[in-house]
Amino acid sequence: MMTGFKDARVYLKERRTDISVRDAMKIYFATKFYAQGYDRLASCEGLAASWVNSLHRRLDKKKIENWQMRLFGPA
């Protein structure tokens, strides 16, 4: 349990993109291929390189990677 942070505040000093974390997650984890969204998300300043790389892979292959192994383990 964390203590001492009850009244802590976070302030947004600068917004580097017009895409929210919520929207980024909706685009990245959507179940349907969405090229326009992937392009937009991949161009966001500060996005992790691994996410940018996976978005570019999706665009190159024109499909979403299979998440079954990550979600459910080996069949």
PDB file of N, CA and C in Angstrom:
ATOM      1  N   MET A   1       0.834  -1.182   0.000  1.00  0.00           N
ATOM      2  CA  MET A   1       0.000   0.000   0.000  1.00  0.00           C
ATOM      3  C   MET A   1       0.882   1.248   0.000  1.00  0.00           C
ATOM      4  N   MET A   2       0.579   2.165  -0.903  1.00  0.00           N
ATOM      5  CA  MET A   2       1.345   3.405  -0.978  1.00  0.00           C
ATOM      6  C   MET A   2       0.774   4.414   0.004  1.00  0.00           C
ATOM      7  N   THR A   3       1.645   5.097   0.690  1.00  0.00           N
ATOM      8  CA  THR A   3       1.196   6.136   1.617  1.00  0.00           C
ATOM      9  C   THR A   3       1.898   7.437   1.273  1.00  0.00           C
ATOM     10  N   GLY A   4       1.297   8.531   1.682  1.00  0.00           N
ATOM     11  CA  GLY A   4       1.911   9.828   1.453  1.00  0.00           C
ATOM     12  C   GLY A   4       1.591  10.436   0.095  1.00  0.00           C
ATOM     13  N   PHE A   5       0.783   9.762  -0.716  1.00  0.00           N
ATOM     14  CA  PHE A   5       0.474  10.274  -2.047  1.00  0.00           C
ATOM     15  C   PHE A   5      -0.989  10.675  -2.190  1.00  0.00           C
ATOM     16  N   LYS A   6      -1.709  10.676  -1.088  1.00  0.00           N
ATOM     17  CA  LYS A   6      -3.139  10.948  -1.141  1.00  0.00           C
ATOM     18  C   LYS A   6      -3.447  12.276  -1.828  1.00  0.00           C
ATOM     19  N   ASP A   7      -2.706  13.293  -1.514  1.00  0.00           N
ATOM     20  CA  ASP A   7      -2.973  14.615  -2.070  1.00  0.00           C
ATOM     21  C   ASP A   7      -2.009  14.996  -3.191  1.00  0.00           C
ATOM     22  N   ALA A   8      -1.255  14.040  -3.695  1.00  0.00           N
ATOM     23  CA  ALA A   8      -0.305  14.325  -4.775  1.00  0.00           C
ATOM     24  C   ALA A   8      -1.067  14.689  -6.045  1.00  0.00           C
ATOM     25  N   ARG A   9      -0.504  15.571  -6.816  1.00  0.00           N
ATOM     26  CA  ARG A   9      -1.142  16.008  -8.058  1.00  0.00           C
ATOM     27  C   ARG A   9      -0.172  15.874  -9.213  1.00  0.00           C
ATOM     28  N   VAL A  10      -0.736  15.629 -10.366  1.00  0.00           N
ATOM     29  CA  VAL A  10       0.038  15.532 -11.596  1.00  0.00           C
ATOM     30  C   VAL A  10      -0.464  16.626 -12.530  1.00  0.00           C
ATOM     31  N   TYR A  11       0.456  17.355 -13.117  1.00  0.00           N
ATOM     32  CA  TYR A  11       0.097  18.428 -14.030  1.00  0.00           C
ATOM     33  C   TYR A  11       0.664  18.140 -15.412  1.00  0.00           C
ATOM     34  N   LEU A  12      -0.151  18.340 -16.420  1.00  0.00           N
ATOM     35  CA  LEU A  12       0.298  18.199 -17.798  1.00  0.00           C
ATOM     36  C   LEU A  12       1.012  19.487 -18.185  1.00  0.00           C
ATOM     37  N   LYS A  13       2.308  19.384 -18.429  1.00  0.00           N
ATOM     38  CA  LYS A  13       3.093  20.563 -18.781  1.00  0.00           C
ATOM     39  C   LYS A  13       3.113  20.786 -20.283  1.00  0.00           C
ATOM     40  N   GLU A  14       3.059  19.700 -21.026  1.00  0.00           N
ATOM     41  CA  GLU A  14       3.164  19.813 -22.476  1.00  0.00           C
ATOM     42  C   GLU A  14       2.484  18.610 -23.111  1.00  0.00           C
ATOM     43  N   ARG A  15       1.711  18.851 -24.150  1.00  0.00           N
ATOM     44  CA  ARG A  15       1.099  17.768 -24.911  1.00  0.00           C
ATOM     45  C   ARG A  15       1.809  17.711 -26.257  1.00  0.00           C
ATOM     46  N   ARG A  16       2.427  16.572 -26.546  1.00  0.00           N
ATOM     47  CA  ARG A  16       3.218  16.446 -27.768  1.00  0.00           C
ATOM     48  C   ARG A  16       2.437  15.853 -28.928  1.00  0.00           C
ATOM     49  N   THR A  17       1.239  15.406 -28.665  1.00  0.00           N
ATOM     50  CA  THR A  17       0.430  14.800 -29.717  1.00  0.00           C
ATOM     51  C   THR A  17      -1.039  15.057 -29.427  1.00  0.00           C
ATOM     52  N   ASP A  18      -1.858  14.930 -30.441  1.00  0.00           N
ATOM     53  CA  ASP A  18      -3.294  15.123 -30.245  1.00  0.00           C
ATOM     54  C   ASP A  18      -3.993  13.811 -29.903  1.00  0.00           C
ATOM     55  N   ILE A  19      -3.239  12.734 -29.796  1.00  0.00           N
ATOM     56  CA  ILE A  19      -3.832  11.432 -29.508  1.00  0.00           C
ATOM     57  C   ILE A  19      -3.697  11.123 -28.014  1.00  0.00           C
ATOM     58  N   SER A  20      -4.794  10.733 -27.402  1.00  0.00           N
ATOM     59  CA  SER A  20      -4.779  10.426 -25.968  1.00  0.00           C
ATOM     60  C   SER A  20      -4.285   8.998 -25.745  1.00  0.00           C
ATOM     61  N   VAL A  21      -3.929   8.695 -24.518  1.00  0.00           N
ATOM     62  CA  VAL A  21      -3.529   7.329 -24.172  1.00  0.00           C
ATOM     63  C   VAL A  21      -4.689   6.383 -24.465  1.00  0.00           C
ATOM     64  N   ARG A  22      -5.892   6.808 -24.128  1.00  0.00           N
ATOM     65  CA  ARG A  22      -7.087   5.988 -24.383  1.00  0.00           C
ATOM     66  C   ARG A  22      -7.219   5.665 -25.868  1.00  0.00           C
ATOM     67  N   ASP A  23      -7.097   6.689 -26.714  1.00  0.00           N
ATOM     68  CA  ASP A  23      -7.216   6.470 -28.155  1.00  0.00           C
ATOM     69  C   ASP A  23      -6.084   5.597 -28.686  1.00  0.00           C
ATOM     70  N   ALA A  24      -4.878   5.803 -28.169  1.00  0.00           N
ATOM     71  CA  ALA A  24      -3.736   4.982 -28.594  1.00  0.00           C
ATOM     72  C   ALA A  24      -3.987   3.514 -28.279  1.00  0.00           C
ATOM     73  N   MET A  25      -4.511   3.237 -27.098  1.00  0.00           N
ATOM     74  CA  MET A  25      -4.800   1.854 -26.706  1.00  0.00           C
ATOM     75  C   MET A  25      -5.908   1.267 -27.573  1.00  0.00           C
ATOM     76  N   LYS A  26      -6.933   2.068 -27.885  1.00  0.00           N
ATOM     77  CA  LYS A  26      -8.020   1.584 -28.741  1.00  0.00           C
ATOM     78  C   LYS A  26      -7.496   1.208 -30.122  1.00  0.00           C
ATOM     79  N   ILE A  27      -6.614   2.028 -30.664  1.00  0.00           N
ATOM     80  CA  ILE A  27      -6.044   1.744 -31.987  1.00  0.00           C
ATOM     81  C   ILE A  27      -5.153   0.512 -31.925  1.00  0.00           C
ATOM     82  N   TYR A  28      -4.250   0.482 -30.974  1.00  0.00           N
ATOM     83  CA  TYR A  28      -3.250  -0.589 -30.921  1.00  0.00           C
ATOM     84  C   TYR A  28      -3.868  -1.951 -30.637  1.00  0.00           C
ATOM     85  N   PHE A  29      -4.852  -1.998 -29.757  1.00  0.00           N
ATOM     86  CA  PHE A  29      -5.423  -3.279 -29.349  1.00  0.00           C
ATOM     87  C   PHE A  29      -6.739  -3.626 -30.041  1.00  0.00           C
ATOM     88  N   ALA A  30      -7.113  -2.886 -31.066  1.00  0.00           N
ATOM     89  CA  ALA A  30      -8.331  -3.205 -31.823  1.00  0.00           C
ATOM     90  C   ALA A  30      -8.182  -4.563 -32.501  1.00  0.00           C
ATOM     91  N   THR A  31      -9.293  -5.235 -32.697  1.00  0.00           N
ATOM     92  CA  THR A  31      -9.252  -6.576 -33.294  1.00  0.00           C
ATOM     93  C   THR A  31      -9.286  -6.549 -34.817  1.00  0.00           C
ATOM     94  N   LYS A  32      -9.575  -5.390 -35.406  1.00  0.00           N
ATOM     95  CA  LYS A  32      -9.595  -5.271 -36.867  1.00  0.00           C
ATOM     96  C   LYS A  32      -8.419  -4.420 -37.340  1.00  0.00           C
ATOM     97  N   PHE A  33      -7.869  -4.769 -38.503  1.00  0.00           N
ATOM     98  CA  PHE A  33      -6.768  -4.026 -39.115  1.00  0.00           C
ATOM     99  C   PHE A  33      -7.230  -2.601 -39.415  1.00  0.00           C
ATOM    100  N   TYR A  34      -6.412  -1.619 -39.055  1.00  0.00           N
ATOM    101  CA  TYR A  34      -6.783  -0.210 -39.182  1.00  0.00           C
ATOM    102  C   TYR A  34      -5.562   0.603 -39.613  1.00  0.00           C
ATOM    103  N   ALA A  35      -5.248   0.573 -40.911  1.00  0.00           N
ATOM    104  CA  ALA A  35      -4.032   1.192 -41.450  1.00  0.00           C
ATOM    105  C   ALA A  35      -3.925   2.676 -41.109  1.00  0.00           C
ATOM    106  N   GLN A  36      -4.998   3.421 -41.271  1.00  0.00           N
ATOM    107  CA  GLN A  36      -4.958   4.861 -41.005  1.00  0.00           C
ATOM    108  C   GLN A  36      -4.623   5.134 -39.537  1.00  0.00           C
ATOM    109  N   GLY A  37      -5.202   4.365 -38.640  1.00  0.00           N
ATOM    110  CA  GLY A  37      -4.916   4.525 -37.212  1.00  0.00           C
ATOM    111  C   GLY A  37      -3.483   4.170 -36.882  1.00  0.00           C
ATOM    112  N   TYR A  38      -2.965   3.098 -37.491  1.00  0.00           N
ATOM    113  CA  TYR A  38      -1.581   2.682 -37.240  1.00  0.00           C
ATOM    114  C   TYR A  38      -0.610   3.749 -37.716  1.00  0.00           C
ATOM    115  N   ASP A  39      -0.885   4.335 -38.881  1.00  0.00           N
ATOM    116  CA  ASP A  39      -0.044   5.417 -39.403  1.00  0.00           C
ATOM    117  C   ASP A  39      -0.028   6.593 -38.435  1.00  0.00           C
ATOM    118  N   ARG A  40      -1.204   6.967 -37.991  1.00  0.00           N
ATOM    119  CA  ARG A  40      -1.329   8.105 -37.068  1.00  0.00           C
ATOM    120  C   ARG A  40      -0.598   7.823 -35.762  1.00  0.00           C
ATOM    121  N   LEU A  41      -0.805   6.639 -35.215  1.00  0.00           N
ATOM    122  CA  LEU A  41      -0.188   6.288 -33.941  1.00  0.00           C
ATOM    123  C   LEU A  41       1.332   6.182 -34.067  1.00  0.00           C
ATOM    124  N   ALA A  42       1.818   5.583 -35.138  1.00  0.00           N
ATOM    125  CA  ALA A  42       3.261   5.409 -35.336  1.00  0.00           C
ATOM    126  C   ALA A  42       3.989   6.750 -35.455  1.00  0.00           C
ATOM    127  N   SER A  43       3.270   7.789 -35.863  1.00  0.00           N
ATOM    128  CA  SER A  43       3.909   9.098 -36.026  1.00  0.00           C
ATOM    129  C   SER A  43       3.899   9.927 -34.741  1.00  0.00           C
ATOM    130  N   CYS A  44       3.337   9.401 -33.664  1.00  0.00           N
ATOM    131  CA  CYS A  44       3.291  10.133 -32.388  1.00  0.00           C
ATOM    132  C   CYS A  44       4.681  10.247 -31.775  1.00  0.00           C
ATOM    133  N   GLU A  45       5.078  11.467 -31.488  1.00  0.00           N
ATOM    134  CA  GLU A  45       6.367  11.715 -30.851  1.00  0.00           C
ATOM    135  C   GLU A  45       6.383  11.076 -29.468  1.00  0.00           C
ATOM    136  N   GLY A  46       7.444  10.365 -29.167  1.00  0.00           N
ATOM    137  CA  GLY A  46       7.600   9.767 -27.850  1.00  0.00           C
ATOM    138  C   GLY A  46       7.030   8.368 -27.710  1.00  0.00           C
ATOM    139  N   LEU A  47       6.376   7.851 -28.742  1.00  0.00           N
ATOM    140  CA  LEU A  47       5.845   6.489 -28.677  1.00  0.00           C
ATOM    141  C   LEU A  47       7.006   5.504 -28.640  1.00  0.00           C
ATOM    142  N   ALA A  48       6.894   4.492 -27.811  1.00  0.00           N
ATOM    143  CA  ALA A  48       7.969   3.500 -27.658  1.00  0.00           C
ATOM    144  C   ALA A  48       8.348   2.894 -29.006  1.00  0.00           C
ATOM    145  N   ALA A  49       9.645   2.711 -29.210  1.00  0.00           N
ATOM    146  CA  ALA A  49      10.153   2.158 -30.471  1.00  0.00           C
ATOM    147  C   ALA A  49       9.550   0.792 -30.766  1.00  0.00           C
ATOM    148  N   SER A  50       9.330  -0.019 -29.739  1.00  0.00           N
ATOM    149  CA  SER A  50       8.754  -1.351 -29.968  1.00  0.00           C
ATOM    150  C   SER A  50       7.333  -1.243 -30.522  1.00  0.00           C
ATOM    151  N   TRP A  51       6.573  -0.255 -30.067  1.00  0.00           N
ATOM    152  CA  TRP A  51       5.225  -0.053 -30.604  1.00  0.00           C
ATOM    153  C   TRP A  51       5.305   0.432 -32.052  1.00  0.00           C
ATOM    154  N   VAL A  52       6.183   1.384 -32.315  1.00  0.00           N
ATOM    155  CA  VAL A  52       6.342   1.894 -33.681  1.00  0.00           C
ATOM    156  C   VAL A  52       6.728   0.747 -34.611  1.00  0.00           C
ATOM    157  N   ASN A  53       7.677  -0.083 -34.183  1.00  0.00           N
ATOM    158  CA  ASN A  53       8.106  -1.220 -35.007  1.00  0.00           C
ATOM    159  C   ASN A  53       6.958  -2.184 -35.269  1.00  0.00           C
ATOM    160  N   SER A  54       6.168  -2.485 -34.245  1.00  0.00           N
ATOM    161  CA  SER A  54       5.063  -3.423 -34.451  1.00  0.00           C
ATOM    162  C   SER A  54       3.984  -2.814 -35.348  1.00  0.00           C
ATOM    163  N   LEU A  55       3.759  -1.517 -35.243  1.00  0.00           N
ATOM    164  CA  LEU A  55       2.796  -0.860 -36.129  1.00  0.00           C
ATOM    165  C   LEU A  55       3.281  -0.892 -37.575  1.00  0.00           C
ATOM    166  N   HIS A  56       4.568  -0.679 -37.791  1.00  0.00           N
ATOM    167  CA  HIS A  56       5.121  -0.749 -39.147  1.00  0.00           C
ATOM    168  C   HIS A  56       5.043  -2.169 -39.699  1.00  0.00           C
ATOM    169  N   ARG A  57       5.269  -3.168 -38.842  1.00  0.00           N
ATOM    170  CA  ARG A  57       5.120  -4.570 -39.273  1.00  0.00           C
ATOM    171  C   ARG A  57       3.691  -4.849 -39.715  1.00  0.00           C
ATOM    172  N   ARG A  58       2.739  -4.368 -38.943  1.00  0.00           N
ATOM    173  CA  ARG A  58       1.329  -4.547 -39.309  1.00  0.00           C
ATOM    174  C   ARG A  58       1.039  -3.912 -40.661  1.00  0.00           C
ATOM    175  N   LEU A  59       1.535  -2.704 -40.856  1.00  0.00           N
ATOM    176  CA  LEU A  59       1.300  -2.013 -42.123  1.00  0.00           C
ATOM    177  C   LEU A  59       1.956  -2.749 -43.284  1.00  0.00           C
ATOM    178  N   ASP A  60       3.163  -3.257 -43.084  1.00  0.00           N
ATOM    179  CA  ASP A  60       3.865  -3.998 -44.137  1.00  0.00           C
ATOM    180  C   ASP A  60       3.141  -5.290 -44.496  1.00  0.00           C
ATOM    181  N   LYS A  61       2.682  -6.008 -43.465  1.00  0.00           N
ATOM    182  CA  LYS A  61       2.032  -7.309 -43.685  1.00  0.00           C
ATOM    183  C   LYS A  61       0.531  -7.185 -43.923  1.00  0.00           C
ATOM    184  N   LYS A  62      -0.004  -5.992 -43.653  1.00  0.00           N
ATOM    185  CA  LYS A  62      -1.431  -5.720 -43.791  1.00  0.00           C
ATOM    186  C   LYS A  62      -2.294  -6.648 -42.940  1.00  0.00           C
ATOM    187  N   LYS A  63      -1.780  -6.960 -41.749  1.00  0.00           N
ATOM    188  CA  LYS A  63      -2.554  -7.766 -40.802  1.00  0.00           C
ATOM    189  C   LYS A  63      -2.011  -7.577 -39.390  1.00  0.00           C
ATOM    190  N   ILE A  64      -2.844  -7.941 -38.419  1.00  0.00           N
ATOM    191  CA  ILE A  64      -2.480  -7.872 -37.004  1.00  0.00           C
ATOM    192  C   ILE A  64      -1.811  -9.182 -36.624  1.00  0.00           C
ATOM    193  N   GLU A  65      -0.773  -9.087 -35.812  1.00  0.00           N
ATOM    194  CA  GLU A  65      -0.083 -10.292 -35.354  1.00  0.00           C
ATOM    195  C   GLU A  65      -1.019 -11.153 -34.507  1.00  0.00           C
ATOM    196  N   ASN A  66      -0.719 -12.431 -34.424  1.00  0.00           N
ATOM    197  CA  ASN A  66      -1.520 -13.367 -33.649  1.00  0.00           C
ATOM    198  C   ASN A  66      -1.157 -13.233 -32.168  1.00  0.00           C
ATOM    199  N   TRP A  67      -2.125 -12.910 -31.343  1.00  0.00           N
ATOM    200  CA  TRP A  67      -1.916 -12.710 -29.909  1.00  0.00           C
ATOM    201  C   TRP A  67      -2.228 -13.961 -29.100  1.00  0.00           C
ATOM    202  N   GLN A  68      -2.671 -15.022 -29.717  1.00  0.00           N
ATOM    203  CA  GLN A  68      -3.113 -16.207 -28.985  1.00  0.00           C
ATOM    204  C   GLN A  68      -2.043 -16.755 -28.044  1.00  0.00           C
ATOM    205  N   MET A  69      -0.810 -16.840 -28.504  1.00  0.00           N
ATOM    206  CA  MET A  69       0.269 -17.385 -27.678  1.00  0.00           C
ATOM    207  C   MET A  69       0.478 -16.527 -26.430  1.00  0.00           C
ATOM    208  N   ARG A  70       0.464 -15.210 -26.606  1.00  0.00           N
ATOM    209  CA  ARG A  70       0.651 -14.309 -25.467  1.00  0.00           C
ATOM    210  C   ARG A  70      -0.515 -14.386 -24.487  1.00  0.00           C
ATOM    211  N   LEU A  71      -1.709 -14.537 -25.026  1.00  0.00           N
ATOM    212  CA  LEU A  71      -2.891 -14.530 -24.170  1.00  0.00           C
ATOM    213  C   LEU A  71      -3.159 -15.863 -23.492  1.00  0.00           C
ATOM    214  N   PHE A  72      -2.950 -16.962 -24.236  1.00  0.00           N
ATOM    215  CA  PHE A  72      -3.380 -18.266 -23.741  1.00  0.00           C
ATOM    216  C   PHE A  72      -2.265 -19.290 -23.588  1.00  0.00           C
ATOM    217  N   GLY A  73      -1.046 -18.958 -24.025  1.00  0.00           N
ATOM    218  CA  GLY A  73       0.061 -19.906 -23.937  1.00  0.00           C
ATOM    219  C   GLY A  73       0.004 -20.919 -25.070  1.00  0.00           C
ATOM    220  N   PRO A  74       0.930 -21.882 -25.062  1.00  0.00           N
ATOM    221  CA  PRO A  74       0.964 -22.867 -26.144  1.00  0.00           C
ATOM    222  C   PRO A  74      -0.305 -23.717 -26.162  1.00  0.00           C
ATOM    223  N   ALA A  75      -0.722 -24.062 -27.350  1.00  0.00           N
ATOM    224  CA  ALA A  75      -1.958 -24.863 -27.516  1.00  0.00           C
ATOM    225  C   ALA A  75      -1.736 -26.303 -27.123  1.00  0.00           C
TER     226      ALA A  75
END
